[in-house]
N, C-alpha and C. Protein backbone atom coordinates (compact mmCIF):
# COMPACT_ATOMS: atom_id res chain seq x y z
N MET A 1 59.69 87.43 90.65
CA MET A 1 60.42 87.88 91.85
C MET A 1 59.48 87.86 93.06
N SER A 2 59.94 87.28 94.14
CA SER A 2 59.11 87.20 95.34
C SER A 2 59.07 88.54 96.06
N SER A 3 57.92 88.85 96.67
CA SER A 3 57.79 90.08 97.45
C SER A 3 58.68 90.04 98.68
N LEU A 4 59.12 88.83 99.07
CA LEU A 4 60.00 88.70 100.22
C LEU A 4 61.32 89.43 100.00
N LYS A 5 61.71 89.62 98.72
CA LYS A 5 62.99 90.24 98.42
C LYS A 5 63.00 91.74 98.71
N VAL A 6 61.82 92.36 98.71
CA VAL A 6 61.75 93.81 98.82
C VAL A 6 62.22 94.28 100.18
N SER A 7 61.65 93.77 101.22
CA SER A 7 62.02 94.17 102.57
C SER A 7 61.58 93.09 103.53
N ILE A 8 62.47 92.73 104.46
CA ILE A 8 62.13 91.67 105.40
C ILE A 8 62.90 91.87 106.70
N ARG A 9 62.24 91.65 107.80
CA ARG A 9 62.88 91.72 109.10
C ARG A 9 63.60 90.39 109.37
N LYS A 10 64.58 90.44 110.28
CA LYS A 10 65.31 89.22 110.59
C LYS A 10 64.37 88.15 111.13
N ARG A 11 63.42 88.55 111.96
CA ARG A 11 62.47 87.59 112.51
C ARG A 11 61.64 86.93 111.42
N ASP A 12 61.25 87.72 110.41
CA ASP A 12 60.48 87.17 109.29
C ASP A 12 61.32 86.22 108.46
N LEU A 13 62.60 86.57 108.29
CA LEU A 13 63.50 85.66 107.58
C LEU A 13 63.65 84.35 108.35
N GLU A 14 63.79 84.45 109.66
CA GLU A 14 63.90 83.25 110.49
C GLU A 14 62.67 82.36 110.34
N ILE A 15 61.49 82.97 110.33
CA ILE A 15 60.25 82.20 110.18
C ILE A 15 60.22 81.52 108.82
N ALA A 16 60.66 82.23 107.78
CA ALA A 16 60.69 81.64 106.44
C ALA A 16 61.64 80.45 106.39
N LEU A 17 62.81 80.59 107.02
CA LEU A 17 63.79 79.51 107.02
C LEU A 17 63.34 78.34 107.89
N GLN A 18 62.60 78.65 108.97
CA GLN A 18 62.08 77.61 109.84
C GLN A 18 61.09 76.72 109.11
N SER A 19 60.43 77.26 108.09
CA SER A 19 59.46 76.47 107.32
C SER A 19 60.13 75.43 106.43
N ILE A 20 61.45 75.55 106.25
CA ILE A 20 62.21 74.59 105.44
C ILE A 20 62.60 73.42 106.34
N ALA A 21 62.07 72.28 106.07
CA ALA A 21 62.29 71.11 106.93
C ALA A 21 63.75 70.68 106.92
N PRO A 22 64.25 70.13 108.03
CA PRO A 22 65.62 69.61 108.06
C PRO A 22 65.73 68.32 107.26
N HIS A 23 66.92 67.77 107.21
CA HIS A 23 67.16 66.51 106.51
C HIS A 23 66.19 65.44 107.01
N ARG A 24 65.52 64.76 106.10
CA ARG A 24 64.57 63.72 106.50
C ARG A 24 65.29 62.43 106.89
N THR A 25 66.32 62.08 106.13
CA THR A 25 67.09 60.86 106.41
C THR A 25 68.57 61.21 106.38
N PRO A 26 69.07 61.89 107.44
CA PRO A 26 70.47 62.31 107.45
C PRO A 26 71.43 61.14 107.37
N ARG A 27 72.52 61.35 106.65
CA ARG A 27 73.52 60.30 106.45
C ARG A 27 74.72 60.57 107.37
N ILE A 28 75.09 59.54 108.13
CA ILE A 28 76.12 59.70 109.16
C ILE A 28 77.44 60.18 108.57
N HIS A 29 77.89 59.55 107.48
CA HIS A 29 79.23 59.87 106.97
C HIS A 29 79.31 61.27 106.40
N LEU A 30 78.16 61.88 106.08
CA LEU A 30 78.15 63.26 105.59
C LEU A 30 77.98 64.27 106.72
N GLU A 31 77.77 63.77 107.94
CA GLU A 31 77.55 64.64 109.11
C GLU A 31 76.49 65.70 108.81
N GLN A 32 75.34 65.25 108.42
CA GLN A 32 74.27 66.16 108.03
C GLN A 32 73.49 66.66 109.25
N TYR A 33 73.81 67.88 109.63
CA TYR A 33 73.09 68.56 110.71
C TYR A 33 72.53 69.86 110.15
N THR A 34 71.24 70.04 110.26
CA THR A 34 70.61 71.23 109.71
C THR A 34 70.94 72.47 110.55
N THR A 35 71.33 73.54 109.88
CA THR A 35 71.61 74.80 110.58
C THR A 35 70.31 75.35 111.16
N PRO A 36 70.24 75.60 112.47
CA PRO A 36 69.02 76.16 113.05
C PRO A 36 68.63 77.46 112.35
N ALA A 37 67.33 77.67 112.18
CA ALA A 37 66.84 78.82 111.42
C ALA A 37 67.30 80.14 112.02
N HIS A 38 67.30 80.26 113.35
CA HIS A 38 67.67 81.54 113.96
C HIS A 38 69.14 81.86 113.74
N ILE A 39 69.99 80.82 113.69
CA ILE A 39 71.41 81.04 113.45
C ILE A 39 71.64 81.39 111.98
N ALA A 40 70.97 80.67 111.08
CA ALA A 40 71.09 80.97 109.65
C ALA A 40 70.64 82.39 109.35
N ALA A 41 69.53 82.82 109.96
CA ALA A 41 69.02 84.17 109.74
C ALA A 41 69.99 85.21 110.27
N ASP A 42 70.58 84.95 111.43
CA ASP A 42 71.52 85.88 112.04
C ASP A 42 72.76 86.06 111.15
N ILE A 43 73.31 84.94 110.67
CA ILE A 43 74.48 84.99 109.80
C ILE A 43 74.16 85.76 108.52
N LEU A 44 73.05 85.43 107.91
CA LEU A 44 72.67 86.07 106.65
C LEU A 44 72.44 87.57 106.81
N PHE A 45 71.79 87.96 107.89
CA PHE A 45 71.53 89.38 108.11
C PHE A 45 72.83 90.15 108.34
N ARG A 46 73.75 89.58 109.10
CA ARG A 46 75.04 90.25 109.31
C ARG A 46 75.82 90.34 108.01
N ALA A 47 75.83 89.25 107.26
CA ALA A 47 76.53 89.24 105.98
C ALA A 47 75.94 90.26 105.01
N CYS A 48 74.61 90.41 105.05
CA CYS A 48 73.92 91.29 104.12
C CYS A 48 74.04 92.76 104.53
N TYR A 49 73.72 93.06 105.78
CA TYR A 49 73.55 94.45 106.17
C TYR A 49 74.76 95.08 106.87
N ILE A 50 75.66 94.27 107.41
CA ILE A 50 76.88 94.83 108.01
C ILE A 50 78.01 94.84 106.98
N TYR A 51 78.17 93.73 106.25
CA TYR A 51 79.29 93.59 105.33
C TYR A 51 78.93 93.74 103.85
N GLU A 52 77.63 93.79 103.55
CA GLU A 52 77.16 93.96 102.17
C GLU A 52 77.68 92.84 101.26
N ASP A 53 77.62 91.62 101.77
CA ASP A 53 78.12 90.46 101.04
C ASP A 53 77.02 89.60 100.43
N VAL A 54 75.75 90.04 100.50
CA VAL A 54 74.65 89.21 99.99
C VAL A 54 73.83 89.94 98.93
N ARG A 55 73.20 91.01 99.28
CA ARG A 55 72.32 91.71 98.35
C ARG A 55 73.11 92.17 97.12
N GLY A 56 72.62 91.76 95.94
CA GLY A 56 73.27 92.13 94.70
C GLY A 56 74.54 91.36 94.40
N ARG A 57 74.86 90.36 95.21
CA ARG A 57 76.08 89.57 95.03
C ARG A 57 75.76 88.17 94.50
N SER A 58 76.80 87.49 94.04
CA SER A 58 76.67 86.07 93.70
C SER A 58 77.04 85.27 94.94
N VAL A 59 76.16 84.33 95.31
CA VAL A 59 76.31 83.59 96.57
C VAL A 59 76.27 82.09 96.30
N LEU A 60 77.19 81.37 96.89
CA LEU A 60 77.26 79.91 96.79
C LEU A 60 77.07 79.31 98.17
N ASP A 61 76.18 78.32 98.26
CA ASP A 61 75.96 77.56 99.50
C ASP A 61 76.53 76.17 99.29
N LEU A 62 77.70 75.90 99.89
CA LEU A 62 78.36 74.60 99.75
C LEU A 62 77.80 73.63 100.78
N GLY A 63 77.38 72.45 100.32
CA GLY A 63 76.75 71.49 101.22
C GLY A 63 75.42 72.03 101.69
N THR A 64 74.61 72.45 100.73
CA THR A 64 73.39 73.22 101.02
C THR A 64 72.34 72.47 101.81
N GLY A 65 72.34 71.13 101.78
CA GLY A 65 71.30 70.38 102.49
C GLY A 65 69.94 70.72 101.92
N THR A 66 69.01 71.09 102.78
CA THR A 66 67.68 71.46 102.31
C THR A 66 67.57 72.94 101.94
N GLY A 67 68.72 73.65 101.92
CA GLY A 67 68.76 74.94 101.27
C GLY A 67 68.54 76.18 102.10
N ARG A 68 68.68 76.12 103.40
CA ARG A 68 68.36 77.30 104.22
C ARG A 68 69.23 78.51 103.89
N PHE A 69 70.53 78.33 103.76
CA PHE A 69 71.39 79.47 103.45
C PHE A 69 71.12 80.00 102.04
N ALA A 70 70.99 79.10 101.08
CA ALA A 70 70.77 79.52 99.69
C ALA A 70 69.44 80.27 99.55
N ILE A 71 68.40 79.71 100.13
CA ILE A 71 67.09 80.34 100.04
C ILE A 71 67.09 81.67 100.79
N GLY A 72 67.75 81.72 101.95
CA GLY A 72 67.84 82.96 102.70
C GLY A 72 68.55 84.05 101.91
N ALA A 73 69.62 83.67 101.21
CA ALA A 73 70.35 84.65 100.40
C ALA A 73 69.48 85.17 99.26
N ALA A 74 68.68 84.29 98.66
CA ALA A 74 67.77 84.71 97.60
C ALA A 74 66.71 85.66 98.13
N ILE A 75 66.19 85.36 99.32
CA ILE A 75 65.19 86.24 99.94
C ILE A 75 65.77 87.64 100.17
N LEU A 76 67.05 87.70 100.55
CA LEU A 76 67.69 88.98 100.86
C LEU A 76 68.19 89.72 99.62
N GLY A 77 67.92 89.16 98.45
CA GLY A 77 68.20 89.89 97.22
C GLY A 77 69.54 89.62 96.57
N ALA A 78 70.12 88.45 96.80
CA ALA A 78 71.35 88.10 96.09
C ALA A 78 71.08 88.07 94.59
N ASP A 79 72.06 88.48 93.81
CA ASP A 79 71.90 88.55 92.36
C ASP A 79 71.88 87.17 91.73
N GLN A 80 72.69 86.27 92.26
CA GLN A 80 72.76 84.89 91.79
C GLN A 80 72.98 83.99 92.99
N VAL A 81 72.26 82.88 93.07
CA VAL A 81 72.43 81.95 94.19
C VAL A 81 72.54 80.53 93.65
N VAL A 82 73.54 79.81 94.13
CA VAL A 82 73.73 78.40 93.77
C VAL A 82 73.86 77.60 95.05
N GLY A 83 73.15 76.48 95.13
CA GLY A 83 73.26 75.55 96.25
C GLY A 83 73.68 74.20 95.73
N ILE A 84 74.70 73.60 96.32
CA ILE A 84 75.20 72.31 95.86
C ILE A 84 75.31 71.34 97.01
N ASP A 85 74.92 70.08 96.75
CA ASP A 85 75.00 69.04 97.77
C ASP A 85 75.03 67.67 97.09
N LEU A 86 75.67 66.71 97.73
CA LEU A 86 75.71 65.33 97.21
C LEU A 86 74.37 64.62 97.36
N ASP A 87 73.58 65.04 98.34
CA ASP A 87 72.35 64.34 98.70
C ASP A 87 71.20 64.77 97.79
N VAL A 88 70.84 63.91 96.86
CA VAL A 88 69.81 64.26 95.88
C VAL A 88 68.46 64.50 96.54
N THR A 89 68.14 63.76 97.59
CA THR A 89 66.86 63.95 98.27
C THR A 89 66.76 65.34 98.88
N SER A 90 67.84 65.78 99.53
CA SER A 90 67.85 67.11 100.15
C SER A 90 67.74 68.21 99.09
N VAL A 91 68.45 68.05 97.98
CA VAL A 91 68.41 69.06 96.93
C VAL A 91 67.03 69.15 96.30
N HIS A 92 66.38 68.01 96.10
CA HIS A 92 65.00 68.03 95.57
C HIS A 92 64.06 68.74 96.54
N SER A 93 64.28 68.54 97.83
CA SER A 93 63.48 69.22 98.83
C SER A 93 63.72 70.73 98.77
N ALA A 94 64.99 71.13 98.66
CA ALA A 94 65.33 72.55 98.57
C ALA A 94 64.69 73.18 97.33
N LEU A 95 64.73 72.47 96.22
CA LEU A 95 64.11 72.95 94.98
C LEU A 95 62.63 73.21 95.17
N SER A 96 61.96 72.29 95.85
CA SER A 96 60.53 72.43 96.10
C SER A 96 60.23 73.68 96.93
N TYR A 97 61.04 73.91 97.97
CA TYR A 97 60.83 75.09 98.81
C TYR A 97 61.08 76.38 98.04
N SER A 98 62.14 76.43 97.26
CA SER A 98 62.45 77.66 96.52
C SER A 98 61.37 77.96 95.48
N LYS A 99 60.84 76.93 94.85
CA LYS A 99 59.74 77.14 93.90
C LYS A 99 58.51 77.67 94.62
N GLY A 100 58.23 77.08 95.79
CA GLY A 100 57.06 77.51 96.55
C GLY A 100 57.15 78.97 96.98
N MET A 101 58.39 79.45 97.19
CA MET A 101 58.60 80.84 97.59
C MET A 101 58.84 81.76 96.38
N GLN A 102 58.80 81.18 95.19
CA GLN A 102 59.02 81.93 93.95
C GLN A 102 60.38 82.61 93.93
N LEU A 103 61.39 81.84 94.31
CA LEU A 103 62.76 82.35 94.36
C LEU A 103 63.61 81.64 93.33
N LYS A 104 64.52 82.37 92.71
CA LYS A 104 65.42 81.80 91.71
C LYS A 104 66.70 81.34 92.38
N VAL A 105 66.86 80.04 92.46
CA VAL A 105 68.09 79.44 92.99
C VAL A 105 68.48 78.31 92.05
N ASP A 106 69.76 78.24 91.70
CA ASP A 106 70.26 77.15 90.88
C ASP A 106 70.74 76.04 91.81
N TRP A 107 70.10 74.87 91.70
CA TRP A 107 70.44 73.74 92.57
C TRP A 107 71.28 72.74 91.80
N VAL A 108 72.33 72.23 92.43
CA VAL A 108 73.24 71.28 91.80
C VAL A 108 73.40 70.07 92.70
N VAL A 109 73.24 68.89 92.14
CA VAL A 109 73.54 67.65 92.86
C VAL A 109 74.95 67.23 92.45
N GLY A 110 75.86 67.23 93.40
CA GLY A 110 77.23 66.87 93.07
C GLY A 110 78.19 67.19 94.20
N ASP A 111 79.44 66.82 93.99
CA ASP A 111 80.49 67.06 94.97
C ASP A 111 80.89 68.54 94.95
N ILE A 112 81.26 69.07 96.11
CA ILE A 112 81.60 70.49 96.21
C ILE A 112 82.78 70.86 95.31
N GLU A 113 83.62 69.91 94.99
CA GLU A 113 84.82 70.22 94.21
C GLU A 113 84.57 70.36 92.71
N ILE A 114 83.33 70.15 92.27
CA ILE A 114 83.04 70.34 90.84
C ILE A 114 82.78 71.81 90.51
N VAL A 115 82.60 72.64 91.54
CA VAL A 115 82.32 74.06 91.31
C VAL A 115 83.56 74.73 90.72
N ARG A 116 83.37 75.44 89.60
CA ARG A 116 84.47 76.14 88.95
C ARG A 116 84.23 77.64 88.82
N ASP A 117 82.98 78.06 88.83
CA ASP A 117 82.68 79.48 88.73
C ASP A 117 83.13 80.21 89.99
N LEU A 118 83.41 81.49 89.86
CA LEU A 118 83.80 82.30 91.00
C LEU A 118 82.59 83.02 91.58
N PHE A 119 82.57 83.18 92.89
CA PHE A 119 81.44 83.79 93.59
C PHE A 119 81.94 84.91 94.51
N ASP A 120 81.09 85.90 94.69
CA ASP A 120 81.43 86.96 95.65
C ASP A 120 81.47 86.40 97.07
N THR A 121 80.50 85.53 97.38
CA THR A 121 80.32 85.08 98.75
C THR A 121 80.00 83.59 98.80
N VAL A 122 80.63 82.89 99.71
CA VAL A 122 80.30 81.49 100.01
C VAL A 122 79.79 81.43 101.45
N ILE A 123 78.65 80.79 101.65
CA ILE A 123 78.11 80.61 103.00
C ILE A 123 77.90 79.11 103.21
N MET A 124 78.39 78.57 104.33
CA MET A 124 78.31 77.12 104.49
C MET A 124 78.36 76.72 105.96
N ASN A 125 77.80 75.55 106.21
CA ASN A 125 77.92 74.88 107.51
C ASN A 125 78.54 73.52 107.22
N PRO A 126 79.88 73.48 107.14
CA PRO A 126 80.54 72.23 106.73
C PRO A 126 80.50 71.16 107.81
N PRO A 127 80.81 69.91 107.45
CA PRO A 127 80.93 68.87 108.48
C PRO A 127 81.98 69.29 109.50
N PHE A 128 81.78 68.89 110.74
CA PHE A 128 82.74 69.24 111.79
C PHE A 128 84.03 68.43 111.69
N GLY A 129 83.99 67.35 110.92
CA GLY A 129 85.17 66.52 110.78
C GLY A 129 85.31 65.47 111.86
N THR A 130 84.21 65.16 112.54
CA THR A 130 84.27 64.16 113.61
C THR A 130 84.10 62.74 113.07
N ARG A 131 83.41 62.58 111.94
CA ARG A 131 83.22 61.26 111.34
C ARG A 131 84.26 61.01 110.24
N GLN A 132 84.57 62.04 109.47
CA GLN A 132 85.62 61.97 108.47
C GLN A 132 86.64 63.06 108.80
N GLU A 133 87.83 62.65 109.18
CA GLU A 133 88.84 63.60 109.62
C GLU A 133 89.13 64.64 108.54
N HIS A 134 89.14 65.88 108.96
CA HIS A 134 89.45 67.03 108.10
C HIS A 134 88.42 67.26 106.98
N ALA A 135 87.22 66.75 107.16
CA ALA A 135 86.17 67.05 106.19
C ALA A 135 85.89 68.55 106.15
N ASP A 136 86.03 69.20 107.30
CA ASP A 136 85.83 70.65 107.34
C ASP A 136 86.86 71.39 106.51
N LEU A 137 88.10 70.89 106.50
CA LEU A 137 89.15 71.54 105.73
C LEU A 137 88.93 71.36 104.23
N ARG A 138 88.37 70.24 103.86
CA ARG A 138 88.04 70.03 102.44
C ARG A 138 87.04 71.07 101.96
N PHE A 139 86.05 71.37 102.79
CA PHE A 139 85.08 72.41 102.44
C PHE A 139 85.75 73.78 102.38
N LEU A 140 86.64 74.06 103.32
CA LEU A 140 87.32 75.34 103.31
C LEU A 140 88.19 75.52 102.07
N ARG A 141 88.89 74.46 101.67
CA ARG A 141 89.71 74.55 100.46
C ARG A 141 88.84 74.84 99.25
N ALA A 142 87.72 74.13 99.16
CA ALA A 142 86.81 74.35 98.03
C ALA A 142 86.27 75.78 98.05
N ALA A 143 85.90 76.26 99.23
CA ALA A 143 85.35 77.61 99.34
C ALA A 143 86.40 78.66 98.96
N LEU A 144 87.63 78.50 99.43
CA LEU A 144 88.69 79.46 99.13
C LEU A 144 89.06 79.46 97.66
N SER A 145 88.80 78.36 96.96
CA SER A 145 89.16 78.29 95.54
C SER A 145 88.16 79.03 94.65
N VAL A 146 86.95 79.29 95.17
CA VAL A 146 85.93 79.90 94.31
C VAL A 146 85.29 81.16 94.91
N GLY A 147 85.53 81.45 96.19
CA GLY A 147 84.85 82.56 96.85
C GLY A 147 85.79 83.66 97.30
N LYS A 148 85.34 84.91 97.19
CA LYS A 148 86.12 86.04 97.69
C LYS A 148 85.98 86.14 99.21
N VAL A 149 84.75 85.95 99.70
CA VAL A 149 84.46 86.03 101.13
C VAL A 149 83.71 84.76 101.51
N ILE A 150 84.06 84.17 102.65
CA ILE A 150 83.44 82.92 103.10
C ILE A 150 82.90 83.11 104.51
N TYR A 151 81.69 82.63 104.73
CA TYR A 151 81.09 82.54 106.06
C TYR A 151 80.98 81.05 106.38
N SER A 152 81.57 80.62 107.48
CA SER A 152 81.64 79.19 107.76
C SER A 152 81.53 78.92 109.25
N ILE A 153 80.88 77.81 109.60
CA ILE A 153 80.63 77.45 111.00
C ILE A 153 81.57 76.32 111.43
N HIS A 154 82.24 76.51 112.56
CA HIS A 154 83.20 75.51 113.04
C HIS A 154 83.11 75.38 114.56
N LYS A 155 83.46 74.22 115.06
CA LYS A 155 83.49 74.01 116.50
C LYS A 155 84.45 75.00 117.15
N SER A 156 84.02 75.57 118.27
CA SER A 156 84.88 76.52 118.98
C SER A 156 86.17 75.87 119.48
N THR A 157 86.12 74.56 119.72
CA THR A 157 87.32 73.85 120.19
C THR A 157 88.42 73.83 119.14
N THR A 158 88.08 74.11 117.88
CA THR A 158 89.09 74.11 116.81
C THR A 158 89.58 75.52 116.50
N ARG A 159 89.24 76.49 117.33
CA ARG A 159 89.52 77.91 117.04
C ARG A 159 90.99 78.16 116.75
N SER A 160 91.87 77.72 117.62
CA SER A 160 93.31 77.97 117.42
C SER A 160 93.82 77.30 116.16
N PHE A 161 93.39 76.06 115.95
CA PHE A 161 93.82 75.33 114.76
C PHE A 161 93.35 76.03 113.50
N MET A 162 92.07 76.46 113.48
CA MET A 162 91.51 77.12 112.31
C MET A 162 92.25 78.43 112.02
N SER A 163 92.57 79.17 113.06
CA SER A 163 93.28 80.43 112.88
C SER A 163 94.63 80.19 112.21
N ARG A 164 95.36 79.17 112.67
CA ARG A 164 96.67 78.86 112.08
C ARG A 164 96.53 78.36 110.64
N TRP A 165 95.53 77.49 110.44
CA TRP A 165 95.35 76.90 109.11
C TRP A 165 95.00 77.97 108.09
N LEU A 166 94.10 78.87 108.44
CA LEU A 166 93.68 79.91 107.52
C LEU A 166 94.82 80.90 107.26
N LYS A 167 95.62 81.17 108.27
CA LYS A 167 96.78 82.04 108.07
C LYS A 167 97.75 81.42 107.08
N ASN A 168 97.97 80.11 107.21
CA ASN A 168 98.85 79.40 106.28
C ASN A 168 98.27 79.37 104.87
N ALA A 169 96.94 79.43 104.79
CA ALA A 169 96.26 79.46 103.48
C ALA A 169 96.18 80.87 102.93
N GLU A 170 96.83 81.81 103.61
CA GLU A 170 96.87 83.22 103.19
C GLU A 170 95.48 83.83 103.13
N ALA A 171 94.67 83.47 104.12
CA ALA A 171 93.33 84.03 104.24
C ALA A 171 93.21 84.77 105.57
N LYS A 172 92.49 85.88 105.55
CA LYS A 172 92.24 86.64 106.77
C LYS A 172 90.90 86.20 107.35
N SER A 173 90.84 86.03 108.67
CA SER A 173 89.60 85.56 109.28
C SER A 173 89.29 86.34 110.54
N GLU A 174 88.02 86.42 110.84
CA GLU A 174 87.56 87.01 112.10
C GLU A 174 86.36 86.22 112.57
N ILE A 175 86.12 86.25 113.87
CA ILE A 175 84.96 85.57 114.42
C ILE A 175 83.77 86.51 114.31
N LEU A 176 82.85 86.15 113.45
CA LEU A 176 81.65 86.97 113.25
C LEU A 176 80.75 86.89 114.48
N MET A 177 80.62 85.68 115.03
CA MET A 177 79.80 85.46 116.21
C MET A 177 80.12 84.10 116.80
N THR A 178 79.84 83.93 118.06
CA THR A 178 79.91 82.62 118.71
C THR A 178 78.51 82.28 119.18
N THR A 179 78.16 81.00 119.10
CA THR A 179 76.82 80.59 119.48
C THR A 179 76.83 79.10 119.81
N LYS A 180 75.67 78.56 120.04
CA LYS A 180 75.54 77.14 120.34
C LYS A 180 74.56 76.51 119.36
N ILE A 181 74.93 75.35 118.84
CA ILE A 181 74.04 74.59 117.97
C ILE A 181 73.54 73.38 118.75
N VAL A 182 72.25 73.23 118.81
CA VAL A 182 71.64 72.08 119.48
C VAL A 182 71.38 71.01 118.42
N ILE A 183 72.04 69.88 118.58
CA ILE A 183 71.88 68.77 117.63
C ILE A 183 70.95 67.74 118.25
N PRO A 184 69.82 67.48 117.62
CA PRO A 184 68.88 66.51 118.19
C PRO A 184 69.37 65.09 118.03
N HIS A 185 68.75 64.18 118.74
CA HIS A 185 69.07 62.76 118.62
C HIS A 185 68.58 62.29 117.25
N GLN A 186 69.54 62.00 116.34
CA GLN A 186 69.14 61.58 115.01
C GLN A 186 69.96 60.42 114.45
N TYR A 187 71.04 60.03 115.15
CA TYR A 187 71.83 58.90 114.72
C TYR A 187 71.90 57.87 115.85
N ASN A 188 72.19 56.63 115.48
CA ASN A 188 72.22 55.55 116.47
C ASN A 188 73.29 55.76 117.54
N PHE A 189 74.40 56.44 117.17
CA PHE A 189 75.47 56.63 118.14
C PHE A 189 75.18 57.77 119.11
N HIS A 190 74.11 58.51 118.88
CA HIS A 190 73.74 59.57 119.82
C HIS A 190 73.12 58.95 121.08
N HIS A 191 73.69 59.26 122.23
CA HIS A 191 73.21 58.70 123.48
C HIS A 191 72.34 59.68 124.27
N LYS A 192 72.41 60.96 123.90
CA LYS A 192 71.63 61.98 124.58
C LYS A 192 70.43 62.39 123.74
N HIS A 193 69.41 62.93 124.42
CA HIS A 193 68.24 63.44 123.71
C HIS A 193 68.64 64.56 122.76
N ARG A 194 69.61 65.35 123.18
CA ARG A 194 70.16 66.40 122.34
C ARG A 194 71.57 66.69 122.78
N HIS A 195 72.36 67.24 121.87
CA HIS A 195 73.76 67.55 122.16
C HIS A 195 74.01 69.01 121.79
N VAL A 196 74.62 69.76 122.70
CA VAL A 196 74.88 71.18 122.47
C VAL A 196 76.35 71.37 122.10
N VAL A 197 76.59 72.03 120.98
CA VAL A 197 77.95 72.26 120.49
C VAL A 197 78.22 73.76 120.43
N ASP A 198 79.31 74.19 121.05
CA ASP A 198 79.75 75.58 120.94
C ASP A 198 80.43 75.77 119.59
N VAL A 199 80.01 76.80 118.86
CA VAL A 199 80.57 77.02 117.51
C VAL A 199 80.98 78.47 117.31
N ASP A 200 81.96 78.65 116.43
CA ASP A 200 82.34 79.97 115.95
C ASP A 200 81.85 80.11 114.51
N VAL A 201 81.30 81.24 114.20
CA VAL A 201 80.98 81.57 112.80
C VAL A 201 82.08 82.50 112.31
N LEU A 202 82.82 82.04 111.32
CA LEU A 202 83.95 82.80 110.82
C LEU A 202 83.59 83.55 109.56
N ARG A 203 84.12 84.76 109.44
CA ARG A 203 84.11 85.48 108.16
C ARG A 203 85.53 85.49 107.65
N ILE A 204 85.73 84.91 106.49
CA ILE A 204 87.06 84.68 105.94
C ILE A 204 87.19 85.42 104.61
N VAL A 205 88.27 86.16 104.46
CA VAL A 205 88.54 86.88 103.22
C VAL A 205 89.76 86.26 102.57
N ARG A 206 89.61 85.86 101.33
CA ARG A 206 90.69 85.18 100.62
C ARG A 206 91.80 86.16 100.22
N GLY A 207 93.04 85.73 100.41
CA GLY A 207 94.18 86.46 99.85
C GLY A 207 94.65 87.61 100.70
């Protein structure tokens, strides 16, 4: 067990997550954008200390990438943590970081829809759905099928649509926080040095 699990400030968690490198070779069709460390730390701390959805809980990170949410949940004392992603390179990187921090995380290379176990909490930064239409909804369906509570990041421009969609899915949602994600120039179609996206972080309760 890592000493990081005993007690940690949000700033220290952010520093730990910042040490986890982003995707080395992001794939366009997967819309791989790494969650900024300060945003990941903020979400995890609120989930842990305001809603008690992390410490002592089972936590699933869907589309884990290099593992920032999964590793952060393990640092905060989750009872069980699973991170799943299609990208084998990213998952191997996440495994290396979790081992280096002496944290127990179960890493899975595979599609999000293979998950069958039930989890107390799902935390994810799904694709925005700009390259593959409704890719974000596919993640939400998967999360709702296995998680009691879901934390998910979505473009603020989709707020009304998401509210209606989740209501139709018989899920209750609230905006945990609004923030901005800065996406660096990493794909050929990016014309700016960086792109700023307004996002809502939703807390969703199934049923």
